[in-house]
Protein backbone atom coordinates (compact mmCIF):
# COMPACT_ATOMS: atom_id res chain seq x y z
CA MET A 1 9.31 -3.28 125.43
CA VAL A 2 7.19 -6.41 125.66
CA ARG A 3 4.93 -6.90 122.62
CA MET A 4 1.85 -8.98 121.93
CA VAL A 5 3.93 -11.36 119.86
CA ASP A 6 6.13 -11.98 122.92
CA VAL A 7 3.05 -12.85 124.97
CA ALA A 8 1.86 -15.23 122.24
CA LYS A 9 5.23 -16.97 122.18
CA GLU A 10 5.40 -17.23 125.98
CA ALA A 11 1.87 -18.67 126.18
CA GLY A 12 2.29 -20.92 123.15
CA VAL A 13 -0.75 -19.51 121.37
CA SER A 14 -1.48 -17.50 118.24
CA LEU A 15 -1.36 -13.70 118.10
CA LYS A 16 -5.10 -13.74 117.36
CA THR A 17 -5.78 -15.64 120.60
CA VAL A 18 -3.88 -13.03 122.60
CA SER A 19 -5.91 -10.31 120.89
CA ARG A 20 -9.17 -12.08 121.73
CA VAL A 21 -8.17 -12.39 125.38
CA LEU A 22 -7.18 -8.73 125.56
CA ASN A 23 -10.53 -7.71 124.10
CA ASN A 24 -12.48 -10.06 126.37
CA GLU A 25 -14.09 -11.68 123.36
CA PRO A 26 -16.33 -14.73 123.90
CA ARG A 27 -15.57 -18.24 122.66
CA VAL A 28 -12.12 -18.39 124.23
CA GLN A 29 -11.68 -21.39 126.51
CA GLU A 30 -11.16 -20.34 130.12
CA ALA A 31 -7.97 -22.42 130.42
CA MET A 32 -6.56 -20.68 127.33
CA ARG A 33 -7.60 -17.27 128.66
CA GLN A 34 -5.85 -17.99 131.96
CA ARG A 35 -2.70 -19.15 130.15
CA VAL A 36 -2.46 -15.89 128.22
CA ARG A 37 -3.04 -13.78 131.33
CA GLU A 38 -0.35 -15.67 133.23
CA ALA A 39 2.08 -15.09 130.36
CA MET A 40 1.25 -11.36 130.43
CA ASP A 41 1.93 -11.27 134.17
CA ARG A 42 5.27 -13.08 133.85
CA LEU A 43 6.46 -10.74 131.10
CA GLY A 44 4.99 -7.59 132.68
CA TYR A 45 3.03 -6.85 129.51
CA VAL A 46 0.83 -3.73 129.65
CA PRO A 47 -1.43 -3.30 126.59
CA SER A 48 -1.71 0.09 124.92
CA ALA A 49 -5.21 1.44 125.50
CA THR A 50 -5.16 3.40 122.24
CA ALA A 51 -3.96 0.49 120.13
CA ARG A 52 -6.43 -1.81 121.85
CA SER A 53 -9.34 0.47 120.98
CA LEU A 54 -8.25 0.84 117.36
CA ARG A 55 -7.83 -2.89 116.84
CA SER A 56 -11.14 -3.89 118.39
CA ARG A 57 -13.22 -0.82 117.46
CA ARG A 58 -14.23 -0.51 121.10
CA SER A 59 -14.07 2.42 123.50
CA PHE A 60 -13.81 0.07 126.52
CA GLN A 61 -16.40 2.21 128.26
CA ILE A 62 -19.88 1.25 129.47
CA MET A 63 -22.35 3.94 130.53
CA LEU A 64 -24.77 3.32 133.40
CA LEU A 65 -27.58 5.79 132.78
CA VAL A 66 -29.73 6.54 135.82
CA HIS A 67 -32.29 9.05 137.00
CA ASP A 68 -31.48 9.06 140.74
CA VAL A 69 -28.15 7.95 142.24
CA ARG A 70 -29.61 7.99 145.78
CA SER A 71 -31.65 4.85 145.17
CA SER A 72 -30.45 1.68 146.93
CA PHE A 73 -31.69 -0.21 143.85
CA VAL A 74 -29.37 1.82 141.61
CA SER A 75 -26.37 1.64 143.94
CA THR A 76 -26.57 -2.16 144.14
CA VAL A 77 -26.86 -2.51 140.35
CA GLN A 78 -23.95 -0.08 139.99
CA PHE A 79 -21.76 -2.19 142.28
CA GLY A 80 -22.33 -5.29 140.16
CA ALA A 81 -21.72 -3.37 136.93
CA LEU A 82 -18.48 -1.91 138.31
CA GLN A 83 -17.23 -5.34 139.34
CA ALA A 84 -17.85 -6.71 135.85
CA CYS A 85 -16.13 -3.74 134.20
CA GLN A 86 -13.05 -4.11 136.39
CA ASP A 87 -12.88 -7.85 135.75
CA LEU A 88 -13.13 -7.35 131.98
CA GLY A 89 -10.83 -4.35 131.58
CA TYR A 90 -13.55 -1.76 131.02
CA ASN A 91 -14.39 1.61 132.57
CA LEU A 92 -17.85 2.30 133.98
CA ARG A 93 -19.24 5.79 133.40
CA LEU A 94 -22.12 6.84 135.64
CA ALA A 95 -24.43 9.42 134.09
CA MET A 96 -27.55 10.89 135.71
CA ALA A 97 -30.16 12.26 133.32
CA PRO A 98 -32.06 15.21 134.86
CA THR A 99 -35.84 15.34 134.53
CA ASP A 100 -35.86 18.34 132.20
CA VAL A 101 -33.96 16.52 129.42
CA LEU A 102 -36.44 13.63 129.36
CA VAL A 103 -39.29 15.74 128.02
CA SER A 104 -38.30 15.48 124.34
CA GLU A 105 -36.03 13.62 121.95
CA GLU A 106 -34.26 16.86 121.05
CA ALA A 107 -33.45 17.75 124.66
CA LEU A 108 -32.22 14.26 125.52
CA THR A 109 -30.16 13.97 122.31
CA GLY A 110 -28.39 17.22 123.12
CA TRP A 111 -27.70 16.08 126.67
CA MET A 112 -26.47 12.66 125.51
CA ASN A 113 -24.09 14.19 122.97
CA LYS A 114 -22.63 16.38 125.70
CA ALA A 115 -22.32 13.40 128.05
CA MET A 116 -20.42 11.50 125.33
CA GLN A 117 -17.86 14.24 124.57
CA ASN A 118 -15.09 11.96 125.87
CA GLY A 119 -16.13 9.13 123.59
CA LYS A 120 -19.11 7.03 122.64
CA PRO A 121 -19.58 4.06 125.01
CA ASP A 122 -19.71 0.51 123.73
CA GLY A 123 -23.08 0.18 125.37
CA ILE A 124 -25.53 1.65 127.87
CA VAL A 125 -27.11 -0.04 130.88
CA LEU A 126 -30.49 1.44 131.80
CA VAL A 127 -32.31 1.14 135.13
CA PRO A 128 -35.96 2.03 135.88
CA PRO A 129 -37.64 4.36 135.18
CA LEU A 130 -35.32 5.12 132.23
CA ALA A 131 -35.48 1.45 131.20
CA ASN A 132 -39.20 1.98 130.49
CA ASP A 133 -38.95 5.47 128.97
CA LYS A 134 -40.02 5.79 125.31
CA VAL A 135 -37.97 8.94 124.72
CA VAL A 136 -34.84 7.22 126.02
CA GLU A 137 -35.58 4.17 123.87
CA THR A 138 -35.87 6.28 120.69
CA VAL A 139 -32.81 8.45 121.35
CA VAL A 140 -30.32 5.70 122.19
CA GLU A 141 -31.48 3.72 119.15
CA LYS A 142 -30.92 6.74 116.87
CA LEU A 143 -27.47 7.22 118.39
CA GLY A 144 -26.64 3.64 117.44
CA ILE A 145 -25.75 2.48 120.96
CA LYS A 146 -26.48 -1.02 122.20
CA THR A 147 -28.53 -1.06 125.39
CA VAL A 148 -29.36 -3.50 128.15
CA ARG A 149 -32.29 -2.75 130.45
CA ILE A 150 -32.44 -3.82 134.07
CA GLY A 151 -35.80 -5.07 135.32
CA VAL A 152 -39.15 -5.89 133.77
CA THR A 153 -39.95 -3.76 130.72
CA SER A 154 -42.45 -3.65 127.87
CA VAL A 155 -39.73 -2.51 125.45
CA GLU A 156 -39.19 -5.26 122.88
CA ASP A 157 -35.81 -6.97 122.57
CA THR A 158 -33.82 -6.69 119.33
CA GLU A 159 -30.26 -7.51 118.26
CA VAL A 160 -29.12 -4.23 119.81
CA ARG A 161 -31.54 -4.10 122.76
CA ALA A 162 -31.81 -6.67 125.55
CA THR A 163 -33.11 -7.11 129.09
CA VAL A 164 -31.77 -8.59 132.32
CA THR A 165 -34.58 -9.35 134.75
CA ILE A 166 -36.34 -11.89 136.94
CA ASP A 167 -39.89 -13.20 136.63
CA ASP A 168 -41.47 -10.33 138.57
CA ARG A 169 -45.02 -11.58 138.14
CA GLN A 170 -44.27 -15.05 139.48
CA ALA A 171 -42.18 -13.61 142.32
CA ALA A 172 -45.07 -11.33 143.33
CA GLU A 173 -47.45 -14.28 143.21
CA ASP A 174 -45.08 -16.31 145.40
CA ILE A 175 -44.72 -13.64 148.11
CA THR A 176 -48.50 -13.11 148.17
CA ARG A 177 -49.04 -16.85 148.44
CA HIS A 178 -46.70 -16.87 151.44
CA LEU A 179 -49.11 -14.50 153.21
CA ILE A 180 -52.12 -16.58 152.15
CA ASP A 181 -50.46 -19.77 153.40
CA LEU A 182 -50.00 -18.10 156.79
CA GLY A 183 -53.76 -17.60 156.90
CA HIS A 184 -54.14 -13.99 155.72
CA LYS A 185 -57.21 -13.17 153.64
CA ARG A 186 -57.35 -9.37 153.87
CA ILE A 187 -54.11 -8.45 152.09
CA ALA A 188 -53.39 -4.91 150.88
CA PHE A 189 -51.14 -4.03 147.93
CA LEU A 190 -49.13 -0.82 147.51
CA ARG A 191 -48.37 -0.04 143.87
CA GLY A 192 -45.18 1.69 142.75
CA ARG A 193 -44.59 4.45 140.22
CA GLU A 194 -46.89 4.16 137.23
CA ASP A 195 -44.07 4.98 134.78
CA GLN A 196 -42.36 1.69 135.71
CA ASP A 197 -43.58 -1.57 134.21
CA ALA A 198 -42.73 -3.45 137.40
CA THR A 199 -45.70 -1.81 139.14
CA GLU A 200 -48.38 -3.43 136.98
CA THR A 201 -46.46 -6.70 136.63
CA ARG A 202 -46.18 -7.16 140.40
CA TYR A 203 -49.82 -6.18 140.85
CA ARG A 204 -50.84 -8.90 138.41
CA GLY A 205 -48.82 -11.44 140.38
CA TYR A 206 -50.64 -10.34 143.55
CA CYS A 207 -53.98 -10.78 141.78
CA ASP A 208 -52.95 -14.20 140.45
CA ALA A 209 -52.26 -15.45 143.98
CA LEU A 210 -55.57 -14.14 145.34
CA GLU A 211 -57.52 -15.65 142.46
CA ALA A 212 -55.79 -19.03 142.86
CA ALA A 213 -56.78 -19.00 146.56
CA GLY A 214 -60.38 -18.06 145.79
CA LEU A 215 -59.99 -14.58 147.28
CA ALA A 216 -61.41 -11.48 145.62
CA VAL A 217 -59.31 -8.37 145.02
CA ASP A 218 -60.58 -5.59 147.29
CA ASN A 219 -59.90 -2.36 145.39
CA ASP A 220 -60.06 -0.40 148.66
CA LEU A 221 -56.88 -2.23 149.69
CA VAL A 222 -54.97 -1.45 146.47
CA LEU A 223 -53.31 1.96 146.80
CA PRO A 224 -50.96 4.06 144.67
CA GLY A 225 -47.34 4.54 145.72
CA LEU A 226 -44.07 6.02 144.50
CA PHE A 227 -41.55 3.29 145.36
CA ASP A 228 -40.32 5.49 148.22
CA PHE A 229 -40.36 5.44 152.02
CA ASP A 230 -42.68 8.45 152.42
CA SER A 231 -45.44 7.00 150.24
CA GLY A 232 -45.21 3.79 152.28
CA ILE A 233 -45.82 5.76 155.49
CA LYS A 234 -48.70 7.76 153.98
CA GLN A 235 -50.57 4.78 152.58
CA GLY A 236 -49.72 2.61 155.56
CA LEU A 237 -51.40 5.12 157.88
CA TRP A 238 -54.44 5.25 155.60
CA LEU A 239 -54.78 1.46 155.60
CA LEU A 240 -54.36 1.15 159.35
CA ASP A 241 -57.03 3.81 159.97
CA LEU A 242 -59.67 1.85 158.04
CA PRO A 243 -62.63 0.52 160.08
CA GLU A 244 -61.46 -2.95 159.02
CA PRO A 245 -57.72 -2.69 158.34
CA PRO A 246 -55.81 -5.41 156.47
CA THR A 247 -53.95 -8.10 158.37
CA ALA A 248 -51.11 -8.04 155.83
CA VAL A 249 -49.55 -5.57 153.37
CA PHE A 250 -47.53 -6.38 150.24
CA ALA A 251 -45.60 -3.30 149.16
CA ALA A 252 -44.15 -3.38 145.63
CA ASN A 253 -40.66 -2.57 146.94
CA ASP A 254 -38.77 -2.59 150.22
CA ASP A 255 -38.67 1.18 150.67
CA MET A 256 -42.47 1.36 150.77
CA ALA A 257 -42.64 -1.74 152.97
CA ALA A 258 -40.31 -0.04 155.47
CA GLY A 259 -42.63 2.97 155.38
CA VAL A 260 -45.56 0.73 156.30
CA VAL A 261 -43.56 -0.64 159.25
CA THR A 262 -43.01 2.95 160.43
CA ALA A 263 -46.73 3.70 160.03
CA ALA A 264 -47.57 0.67 162.17
CA TYR A 265 -45.16 1.90 164.86
CA ARG A 266 -46.89 5.29 164.88
CA ARG A 267 -50.27 3.62 165.34
CA GLY A 268 -49.02 1.32 168.09
CA ILE A 269 -49.51 -1.79 165.97
CA SER A 270 -46.96 -4.57 166.47
CA ILE A 271 -45.35 -6.43 163.57
CA PRO A 272 -45.85 -9.30 162.89
CA GLN A 273 -48.25 -9.99 165.79
CA GLN A 274 -50.95 -7.61 164.50
CA LEU A 275 -49.77 -6.90 160.94
CA SER A 276 -47.57 -8.77 158.48
CA VAL A 277 -45.56 -6.75 155.94
CA VAL A 278 -43.63 -7.93 152.87
CA GLY A 279 -41.58 -6.08 150.27
CA PHE A 280 -39.68 -6.71 147.05
CA ASP A 281 -35.96 -6.43 146.08
CA ASP A 282 -34.12 -7.33 149.33
CA SER A 283 -32.44 -3.93 149.31
CA GLU A 284 -30.35 -2.67 152.23
CA ILE A 285 -33.36 -1.19 154.05
CA ALA A 286 -34.92 -4.66 154.30
CA VAL A 287 -32.41 -5.70 156.96
CA ARG A 288 -32.28 -2.30 158.69
CA THR A 289 -36.00 -2.23 159.39
CA LEU A 290 -37.13 -3.53 162.78
CA PRO A 291 -38.32 -6.19 162.39
CA ALA A 292 -36.38 -7.18 159.26
CA LEU A 293 -38.55 -7.55 156.16
CA THR A 294 -39.74 -10.71 154.49
CA THR A 295 -39.16 -9.97 150.81
CA VAL A 296 -38.36 -11.17 147.30
CA VAL A 297 -34.62 -11.41 146.73
CA GLN A 298 -33.99 -9.77 143.38
CA PRO A 299 -30.26 -10.32 142.60
CA LEU A 300 -29.56 -6.68 141.72
CA GLU A 301 -25.78 -6.99 141.93
CA ALA A 302 -25.81 -10.03 139.65
CA MET A 303 -28.18 -8.21 137.28
CA GLY A 304 -25.77 -5.28 136.98
CA LYS A 305 -22.91 -7.66 136.30
CA ALA A 306 -24.88 -9.67 133.74
CA ALA A 307 -25.94 -6.50 131.91
CA VAL A 308 -22.33 -5.37 131.49
CA GLU A 309 -21.18 -8.83 130.39
CA THR A 310 -23.99 -8.94 127.81
CA VAL A 311 -22.97 -5.60 126.31
CA ILE A 312 -19.28 -6.47 126.19
CA GLU A 313 -19.88 -9.80 124.45
CA ALA A 314 -21.58 -7.96 121.59
CA ALA A 315 -19.31 -4.88 121.48
CA GLY A 316 -16.90 -3.67 118.80
CA THR A 317 -16.22 -6.03 115.91
CA SER A 318 -18.28 -8.82 117.50
CA LYS A 319 -21.15 -9.98 115.31
CA LEU A 320 -23.09 -11.39 118.26
CA ALA A 321 -26.58 -10.08 118.97
CA LEU A 322 -27.42 -8.97 122.49
CA GLN A 323 -28.94 -11.77 124.55
CA SER A 324 -31.55 -11.16 127.24
CA LYS A 325 -31.15 -13.00 130.55
CA LEU A 326 -33.70 -14.21 133.09
CA LEU A 327 -32.08 -14.61 136.51
CA ASP A 328 -33.31 -16.61 139.50
CA TYR A 329 -35.03 -15.12 142.53
CA HIS A 330 -36.16 -16.50 145.89
CA LEU A 331 -38.12 -15.47 148.94
CA ARG A 332 -36.32 -14.45 152.11
CA ILE A 333 -38.56 -15.09 155.10
CA ARG A 334 -37.69 -12.82 158.02
CA GLU A 335 -39.45 -11.51 161.12
CA SER A 336 -42.09 -9.26 159.53
CA THR A 337 -44.58 -12.04 158.72
CA ALA A 338 -46.61 -14.42 160.90
CA GLU A 339 -50.06 -15.96 161.15
CA PRO A 340 -52.83 -13.39 161.59
CA LYS A 341 -53.87 -12.67 165.16
CA GLY A 342 -56.56 -15.05 166.39
CA SER A 343 -56.04 -17.61 163.62
């Protein structure tokens, strides 16, 4: 049987270095990490999962806690998280918290304890709306589990609580400015769910762009939404039936933006010739809509990966505090935007 000491000898490193590589600990030079892995491959070394957990005080499990697995937002984050777990020798556990356990700390604690019967994870990755939920925040903190939240959130960072996000407000300002630069002045905004901090943050970015351009916010053009396709259709129809409809619509996510495109089709309004539409996220529906959506590219896959990497760096015997990360975004200009008709 090949032992860790054999790997250390083959790689020409200390036993502690081999242990650090096996546990994916930070502060190991990449060249050294590669040398140890190559030695493991040559010798056919397979680490004992039980011994590995005991040595490092890790479960080698990360939980992705979601509220709806049907969301394209969630599935893209999940893909990135899974990639990171596989690369770092971890298992990803997907758990979906039903609505009825989110009503109280007692209900959620009982559900969480049941979900962790096979072992307590080294950390939890939370996506909206759970990333913004006060009950979830309190329960996971009492359970002593490190958490990383995906997306903008008002929850404060601590040594055991961090965030991976982009600058949503600036991104929203940028996509609104794109419409203004095309010549649009009557620009509607569809809000998302009010239990998600991204809704208000993106609205503020929209307002910032209008103010900078000397345009007033028309409250009749700011409508509630649910971050889903159906609410995009409903509010899109309402906007297009106004005596003076907008020439452009900024929906706070791509699902609602796609709904607005469908509403325009039902009213016989061509996009972008008669109406420009933009979204946010660059989710799969953005390229399946006809025409394809101009949107903010939020790197959801990279965010899922970064969240897992952040948790793992601070897991087990590591004394590192969780570190929040601000990732880059950019606009993707497609066929759903153009100068307003008659400009």
